[in-house]
């Protein structure tokens, strides 16, 4: 069932909002590990990395965010429309920040879960741009979830909060294990402990990852 039904349904990803494809690749990576299917695992990780680069913006990306080639976002207007009308791009902004922080949280959760699963499998994604995009996305979203006033250039000056219990895995890996500074993510993580469930695919991550450096 996992191989022929679920994996077949998700392995080719989605052209919808980025959290869809990131969540699909999280599932595909987990299924591939369970099946010991390296070919599917490699395919899922490659698609995950392409989508991650197109989901979280870094200044080093250039004037515009990276895109997923199959979506044909080949003009500035198309990219801005896909990024929920946001035309100013800053490090840590995600493709769904201006949609709402809840769906953004789904994407961030998938980022951290794939990176952590891959670490266990011997692949260090934290040491690549995936880790930096995860760190910046956590910090940027946490700042506004904590109550910082939203500037006028960001999402028209209004954000829909509700990031959810999605910070523990990334915070533990990047701050506790790798020693990276994460002031905003730390404050939000500690404020929300113990993290519960979002009733979808995130649950009890303070129990599994809270302040666990080993």
C-alpha atoms as a PDB file:
ATOM      1  CA  UNK A   1       0.000   0.000   0.000  1.00  0.00           C
ATOM      2  CA  UNK A   2       2.760   2.467   0.879  1.00  0.00           C
ATOM      3  CA  UNK A   3       4.659   1.776  -2.332  1.00  0.00           C
ATOM      4  CA  UNK A   4       1.846   1.366  -4.830  1.00  0.00           C
ATOM      5  CA  UNK A   5      -0.833   3.679  -3.444  1.00  0.00           C
ATOM      6  CA  UNK A   6       0.597   6.427  -1.242  1.00  0.00           C
ATOM      7  CA  UNK A   7       4.088   6.845  -2.686  1.00  0.00           C
ATOM      8  CA  UNK A   8       2.761   6.720  -6.235  1.00  0.00           C
ATOM      9  CA  UNK A   9       0.330   9.520  -5.360  1.00  0.00           C
ATOM     10  CA  UNK A  10       2.849  11.914  -3.795  1.00  0.00           C
ATOM     11  CA  UNK A  11       6.315  11.259  -5.231  1.00  0.00           C
ATOM     12  CA  UNK A  12       5.834  13.641  -8.172  1.00  0.00           C
ATOM     13  CA  UNK A  13       4.843  16.517  -5.921  1.00  0.00           C
ATOM     14  CA  UNK A  14       2.419  19.376  -6.427  1.00  0.00           C
ATOM     15  CA  UNK A  15       2.276  22.677  -8.287  1.00  0.00           C
ATOM     16  CA  UNK A  16       0.060  24.221  -5.605  1.00  0.00           C
ATOM     17  CA  UNK A  17       1.248  26.260  -2.600  1.00  0.00           C
ATOM     18  CA  UNK A  18       4.662  25.237  -1.373  1.00  0.00           C
ATOM     19  CA  UNK A  19       3.577  23.625   1.882  1.00  0.00           C
ATOM     20  CA  UNK A  20       1.714  21.000  -0.148  1.00  0.00           C
ATOM     21  CA  UNK A  21       4.803  19.770  -1.943  1.00  0.00           C
ATOM     22  CA  UNK A  22       7.009  20.046   1.151  1.00  0.00           C
ATOM     23  CA  UNK A  23       4.520  17.958   3.127  1.00  0.00           C
ATOM     24  CA  UNK A  24       4.279  15.463   0.275  1.00  0.00           C
ATOM     25  CA  UNK A  25       8.070  15.114   0.176  1.00  0.00           C
ATOM     26  CA  UNK A  26       8.127  14.673   3.954  1.00  0.00           C
ATOM     27  CA  UNK A  27       5.761  11.741   3.511  1.00  0.00           C
ATOM     28  CA  UNK A  28       7.709  10.411   0.523  1.00  0.00           C
ATOM     29  CA  UNK A  29      10.994  10.533   2.432  1.00  0.00           C
ATOM     30  CA  UNK A  30       9.473   8.702   5.405  1.00  0.00           C
ATOM     31  CA  UNK A  31       7.897   6.042   3.200  1.00  0.00           C
ATOM     32  CA  UNK A  32      11.128   5.588   1.238  1.00  0.00           C
ATOM     33  CA  UNK A  33      13.087   5.061   4.452  1.00  0.00           C
ATOM     34  CA  UNK A  34      10.544   2.505   5.660  1.00  0.00           C
ATOM     35  CA  UNK A  35      10.667   0.692   2.313  1.00  0.00           C
ATOM     36  CA  UNK A  36      14.466   1.001   2.127  1.00  0.00           C
ATOM     37  CA  UNK A  37      13.932   2.424  -1.357  1.00  0.00           C
ATOM     38  CA  UNK A  38      16.971   4.584  -2.107  1.00  0.00           C
ATOM     39  CA  UNK A  39      15.788   5.573  -5.558  1.00  0.00           C
ATOM     40  CA  UNK A  40      12.540   7.057  -4.223  1.00  0.00           C
ATOM     41  CA  UNK A  41      14.385   8.618  -1.295  1.00  0.00           C
ATOM     42  CA  UNK A  42      16.858  10.368  -3.601  1.00  0.00           C
ATOM     43  CA  UNK A  43      14.040  11.582  -5.847  1.00  0.00           C
ATOM     44  CA  UNK A  44      12.058  12.929  -2.898  1.00  0.00           C
ATOM     45  CA  UNK A  45      15.077  14.705  -1.401  1.00  0.00           C
ATOM     46  CA  UNK A  46      15.943  16.312  -4.732  1.00  0.00           C
ATOM     47  CA  UNK A  47      12.396  17.601  -5.178  1.00  0.00           C
ATOM     48  CA  UNK A  48      12.368  18.729  -1.543  1.00  0.00           C
ATOM     49  CA  UNK A  49      15.550  20.768  -2.017  1.00  0.00           C
ATOM     50  CA  UNK A  50      14.208  22.471  -5.146  1.00  0.00           C
ATOM     51  CA  UNK A  51      10.965  23.361  -3.377  1.00  0.00           C
ATOM     52  CA  UNK A  52      12.745  24.524  -0.215  1.00  0.00           C
ATOM     53  CA  UNK A  53      14.796  27.002  -2.243  1.00  0.00           C
ATOM     54  CA  UNK A  54      11.572  28.248  -3.827  1.00  0.00           C
ATOM     55  CA  UNK A  55       9.705  28.442  -0.505  1.00  0.00           C
ATOM     56  CA  UNK A  56      12.059  30.441   1.733  1.00  0.00           C
ATOM     57  CA  UNK A  57      13.762  33.532   0.356  1.00  0.00           C
ATOM     58  CA  UNK A  58      17.369  34.483   1.128  1.00  0.00           C
ATOM     59  CA  UNK A  59      18.989  37.740   0.026  1.00  0.00           C
ATOM     60  CA  UNK A  60      21.604  35.642  -1.746  1.00  0.00           C
ATOM     61  CA  UNK A  61      18.878  34.381  -4.131  1.00  0.00           C
ATOM     62  CA  UNK A  62      18.945  37.717  -5.937  1.00  0.00           C
ATOM     63  CA  UNK A  63      16.227  40.239  -6.692  1.00  0.00           C
ATOM     64  CA  UNK A  64      13.495  37.600  -6.922  1.00  0.00           C
ATOM     65  CA  UNK A  65      12.851  34.273  -5.169  1.00  0.00           C
ATOM     66  CA  UNK A  66      13.899  31.039  -6.789  1.00  0.00           C
ATOM     67  CA  UNK A  67      11.168  29.096  -8.548  1.00  0.00           C
ATOM     68  CA  UNK A  68      10.214  25.514  -9.308  1.00  0.00           C
ATOM     69  CA  UNK A  69      10.879  25.184 -13.063  1.00  0.00           C
ATOM     70  CA  UNK A  70       7.727  23.165 -13.795  1.00  0.00           C
ATOM     71  CA  UNK A  71       5.508  25.996 -12.553  1.00  0.00           C
ATOM     72  CA  UNK A  72       6.682  28.408 -15.278  1.00  0.00           C
ATOM     73  CA  UNK A  73       6.850  31.400 -12.952  1.00  0.00           C
ATOM     74  CA  UNK A  74       8.963  33.238 -15.502  1.00  0.00           C
ATOM     75  CA  UNK A  75       8.037  36.882 -14.859  1.00  0.00           C
ATOM     76  CA  UNK A  76       8.144  39.147 -11.831  1.00  0.00           C
ATOM     77  CA  UNK A  77       4.359  39.580 -11.914  1.00  0.00           C
ATOM     78  CA  UNK A  78       3.800  35.811 -11.850  1.00  0.00           C
ATOM     79  CA  UNK A  79       6.196  35.395  -8.927  1.00  0.00           C
ATOM     80  CA  UNK A  80       4.648  38.251  -6.936  1.00  0.00           C
ATOM     81  CA  UNK A  81       1.181  36.814  -7.509  1.00  0.00           C
ATOM     82  CA  UNK A  82       2.378  33.373  -6.379  1.00  0.00           C
ATOM     83  CA  UNK A  83       3.892  34.946  -3.255  1.00  0.00           C
ATOM     84  CA  UNK A  84       0.435  36.209  -2.238  1.00  0.00           C
ATOM     85  CA  UNK A  85       1.004  39.662  -3.737  1.00  0.00           C
ATOM     86  CA  UNK A  86       4.178  40.351  -1.741  1.00  0.00           C
ATOM     87  CA  UNK A  87       6.606  42.359  -3.879  1.00  0.00           C
ATOM     88  CA  UNK A  88       9.344  43.111  -1.331  1.00  0.00           C
ATOM     89  CA  UNK A  89      11.519  40.108  -0.573  1.00  0.00           C
ATOM     90  CA  UNK A  90      13.651  39.807   2.548  1.00  0.00           C
ATOM     91  CA  UNK A  91      15.549  36.941   4.125  1.00  0.00           C
ATOM     92  CA  UNK A  92      13.265  34.516   5.952  1.00  0.00           C
ATOM     93  CA  UNK A  93      10.083  35.440   4.122  1.00  0.00           C
ATOM     94  CA  UNK A  94       8.222  32.405   2.816  1.00  0.00           C
ATOM     95  CA  UNK A  95       5.973  31.945  -0.172  1.00  0.00           C
ATOM     96  CA  UNK A  96       2.980  31.680   2.172  1.00  0.00           C
ATOM     97  CA  UNK A  97       3.822  34.250   4.860  1.00  0.00           C
ATOM     98  CA  UNK A  98       1.270  36.655   3.432  1.00  0.00           C
ATOM     99  CA  UNK A  99      -1.313  33.884   3.122  1.00  0.00           C
ATOM    100  CA  UNK A 100      -1.201  33.091   6.834  1.00  0.00           C
ATOM    101  CA  UNK A 101       1.320  31.792   9.347  1.00  0.00           C
ATOM    102  CA  UNK A 102      -0.621  28.561   9.862  1.00  0.00           C
ATOM    103  CA  UNK A 103       0.074  27.242   6.364  1.00  0.00           C
ATOM    104  CA  UNK A 104       3.578  28.685   6.600  1.00  0.00           C
ATOM    105  CA  UNK A 105       4.006  26.578   9.725  1.00  0.00           C
ATOM    106  CA  UNK A 106       3.086  23.458   7.775  1.00  0.00           C
ATOM    107  CA  UNK A 107       5.883  24.204   5.331  1.00  0.00           C
ATOM    108  CA  UNK A 108       8.415  24.942   8.069  1.00  0.00           C
ATOM    109  CA  UNK A 109       7.436  21.748   9.872  1.00  0.00           C
ATOM    110  CA  UNK A 110       8.104  19.698   6.738  1.00  0.00           C
ATOM    111  CA  UNK A 111      11.469  21.427   6.283  1.00  0.00           C
ATOM    112  CA  UNK A 112      12.576  20.421   9.759  1.00  0.00           C
ATOM    113  CA  UNK A 113      11.206  16.877   9.548  1.00  0.00           C
ATOM    114  CA  UNK A 114      12.920  16.057   6.257  1.00  0.00           C
ATOM    115  CA  UNK A 115      16.185  17.561   7.487  1.00  0.00           C
ATOM    116  CA  UNK A 116      15.989  15.549  10.704  1.00  0.00           C
ATOM    117  CA  UNK A 117      15.046  12.290   8.984  1.00  0.00           C
ATOM    118  CA  UNK A 118      17.886  12.789   6.511  1.00  0.00           C
ATOM    119  CA  UNK A 119      20.313  13.439   9.379  1.00  0.00           C
ATOM    120  CA  UNK A 120      19.401  10.065  10.836  1.00  0.00           C
ATOM    121  CA  UNK A 121      19.984   8.529   7.401  1.00  0.00           C
ATOM    122  CA  UNK A 122      23.457  10.066   7.201  1.00  0.00           C
ATOM    123  CA  UNK A 123      22.661  13.019   4.911  1.00  0.00           C
ATOM    124  CA  UNK A 124      23.423  16.446   6.400  1.00  0.00           C
ATOM    125  CA  UNK A 125      20.879  18.887   5.005  1.00  0.00           C
ATOM    126  CA  UNK A 126      21.333  21.218   7.968  1.00  0.00           C
ATOM    127  CA  UNK A 127      24.771  22.075   6.591  1.00  0.00           C
ATOM    128  CA  UNK A 128      23.320  23.144   3.245  1.00  0.00           C
ATOM    129  CA  UNK A 129      21.069  26.030   2.241  1.00  0.00           C
ATOM    130  CA  UNK A 130      18.184  23.957   3.657  1.00  0.00           C
ATOM    131  CA  UNK A 131      19.480  24.576   7.164  1.00  0.00           C
ATOM    132  CA  UNK A 132      19.966  28.292   6.561  1.00  0.00           C
ATOM    133  CA  UNK A 133      16.536  28.674   5.010  1.00  0.00           C
ATOM    134  CA  UNK A 134      14.990  26.799   7.942  1.00  0.00           C
ATOM    135  CA  UNK A 135      16.830  28.984  10.472  1.00  0.00           C
ATOM    136  CA  UNK A 136      15.827  32.214   8.760  1.00  0.00           C
ATOM    137  CA  UNK A 137      12.226  31.123   8.232  1.00  0.00           C
ATOM    138  CA  UNK A 138      11.872  30.216  11.898  1.00  0.00           C
ATOM    139  CA  UNK A 139      13.346  33.529  13.022  1.00  0.00           C
ATOM    140  CA  UNK A 140      11.320  35.686  10.644  1.00  0.00           C
ATOM    141  CA  UNK A 141       7.956  34.085  11.391  1.00  0.00           C
ATOM    142  CA  UNK A 142       8.665  33.868  15.136  1.00  0.00           C
ATOM    143  CA  UNK A 143       9.317  37.611  15.303  1.00  0.00           C
ATOM    144  CA  UNK A 144       5.777  38.426  14.206  1.00  0.00           C
ATOM    145  CA  UNK A 145       4.154  35.522  16.027  1.00  0.00           C
ATOM    146  CA  UNK A 146       5.669  37.032  19.186  1.00  0.00           C
ATOM    147  CA  UNK A 147       3.865  40.289  18.497  1.00  0.00           C
ATOM    148  CA  UNK A 148       6.310  42.564  16.673  1.00  0.00           C
ATOM    149  CA  UNK A 149       4.390  45.215  14.730  1.00  0.00           C
ATOM    150  CA  UNK A 150       4.031  44.315  11.058  1.00  0.00           C
ATOM    151  CA  UNK A 151       5.550  47.001   8.783  1.00  0.00           C
ATOM    152  CA  UNK A 152       3.496  48.402   5.939  1.00  0.00           C
ATOM    153  CA  UNK A 153       5.644  46.829   3.221  1.00  0.00           C
ATOM    154  CA  UNK A 154       4.983  43.327   4.575  1.00  0.00           C
ATOM    155  CA  UNK A 155       1.671  41.787   3.532  1.00  0.00           C
ATOM    156  CA  UNK A 156       0.022  45.202   3.467  1.00  0.00           C
ATOM    157  CA  UNK A 157       0.818  45.701   7.153  1.00  0.00           C
ATOM    158  CA  UNK A 158      -1.212  42.741   8.435  1.00  0.00           C
ATOM    159  CA  UNK A 159      -0.361  39.102   9.108  1.00  0.00           C
ATOM    160  CA  UNK A 160      -2.639  36.253  10.111  1.00  0.00           C
ATOM    161  CA  UNK A 161      -0.933  34.571  13.118  1.00  0.00           C
ATOM    162  CA  UNK A 162      -1.090  30.921  14.151  1.00  0.00           C
ATOM    163  CA  UNK A 163       2.302  29.419  13.308  1.00  0.00           C
ATOM    164  CA  UNK A 164       1.528  26.374  15.426  1.00  0.00           C
ATOM    165  CA  UNK A 165       3.723  23.971  17.432  1.00  0.00           C
ATOM    166  CA  UNK A 166       6.324  23.622  14.682  1.00  0.00           C
ATOM    167  CA  UNK A 167       9.540  25.106  16.077  1.00  0.00           C
ATOM    168  CA  UNK A 168      11.027  22.442  18.360  1.00  0.00           C
ATOM    169  CA  UNK A 169      12.727  20.191  15.781  1.00  0.00           C
ATOM    170  CA  UNK A 170      14.437  22.951  13.839  1.00  0.00           C
ATOM    171  CA  UNK A 171      15.334  24.917  16.959  1.00  0.00           C
ATOM    172  CA  UNK A 172      16.825  21.846  18.640  1.00  0.00           C
ATOM    173  CA  UNK A 173      18.912  20.912  15.605  1.00  0.00           C
ATOM    174  CA  UNK A 174      20.170  24.356  14.686  1.00  0.00           C
ATOM    175  CA  UNK A 175      20.561  25.960  18.101  1.00  0.00           C
ATOM    176  CA  UNK A 176      21.095  23.152  20.590  1.00  0.00           C
ATOM    177  CA  UNK A 177      23.169  20.862  18.364  1.00  0.00           C
ATOM    178  CA  UNK A 178      24.880  23.301  16.009  1.00  0.00           C
ATOM    179  CA  UNK A 179      25.059  26.347  18.287  1.00  0.00           C
ATOM    180  CA  UNK A 180      23.438  28.854  15.937  1.00  0.00           C
ATOM    181  CA  UNK A 181      21.892  31.972  17.408  1.00  0.00           C
ATOM    182  CA  UNK A 182      18.093  31.893  17.192  1.00  0.00           C
ATOM    183  CA  UNK A 183      16.762  34.558  19.556  1.00  0.00           C
ATOM    184  CA  UNK A 184      13.225  34.848  18.167  1.00  0.00           C
ATOM    185  CA  UNK A 185      12.755  31.116  17.615  1.00  0.00           C
ATOM    186  CA  UNK A 186      14.034  30.415  21.122  1.00  0.00           C
ATOM    187  CA  UNK A 187      11.635  32.903  22.699  1.00  0.00           C
ATOM    188  CA  UNK A 188       8.647  31.503  20.804  1.00  0.00           C
ATOM    189  CA  UNK A 189       9.622  27.890  21.428  1.00  0.00           C
ATOM    190  CA  UNK A 190      10.012  28.421  25.169  1.00  0.00           C
ATOM    191  CA  UNK A 191       6.795  30.441  25.381  1.00  0.00           C
ATOM    192  CA  UNK A 192       4.804  27.674  23.721  1.00  0.00           C
ATOM    193  CA  UNK A 193       6.121  24.740  25.738  1.00  0.00           C
ATOM    194  CA  UNK A 194       4.970  22.091  26.047  1.00  0.00           C
ATOM    195  CA  UNK A 195       4.141  21.996  22.343  1.00  0.00           C
ATOM    196  CA  UNK A 196       0.959  20.076  21.604  1.00  0.00           C
ATOM    197  CA  UNK A 197      -0.556  19.031  18.300  1.00  0.00           C
ATOM    198  CA  UNK A 198      -1.949  20.911  15.325  1.00  0.00           C
ATOM    199  CA  UNK A 199      -4.336  17.977  14.740  1.00  0.00           C
ATOM    200  CA  UNK A 200      -2.756  17.268  11.338  1.00  0.00           C
ATOM    201  CA  UNK A 201       0.855  16.107  11.246  1.00  0.00           C
ATOM    202  CA  UNK A 202       2.708  17.792  14.120  1.00  0.00           C
ATOM    203  CA  UNK A 203       2.482  16.415  17.635  1.00  0.00           C
ATOM    204  CA  UNK A 204       4.242  16.543  20.999  1.00  0.00           C
ATOM    205  CA  UNK A 205       7.614  17.762  19.745  1.00  0.00           C
ATOM    206  CA  UNK A 206       8.710  19.186  23.088  1.00  0.00           C
ATOM    207  CA  UNK A 207       8.598  15.583  24.295  1.00  0.00           C
ATOM    208  CA  UNK A 208      10.739  14.310  21.423  1.00  0.00           C
ATOM    209  CA  UNK A 209      13.079  17.240  20.798  1.00  0.00           C
ATOM    210  CA  UNK A 210      12.810  19.875  23.526  1.00  0.00           C
ATOM    211  CA  UNK A 211      16.307  20.860  24.763  1.00  0.00           C
ATOM    212  CA  UNK A 212      17.715  17.562  23.577  1.00  0.00           C
ATOM    213  CA  UNK A 213      21.267  18.122  22.304  1.00  0.00           C
ATOM    214  CA  UNK A 214      22.157  14.451  21.878  1.00  0.00           C
END
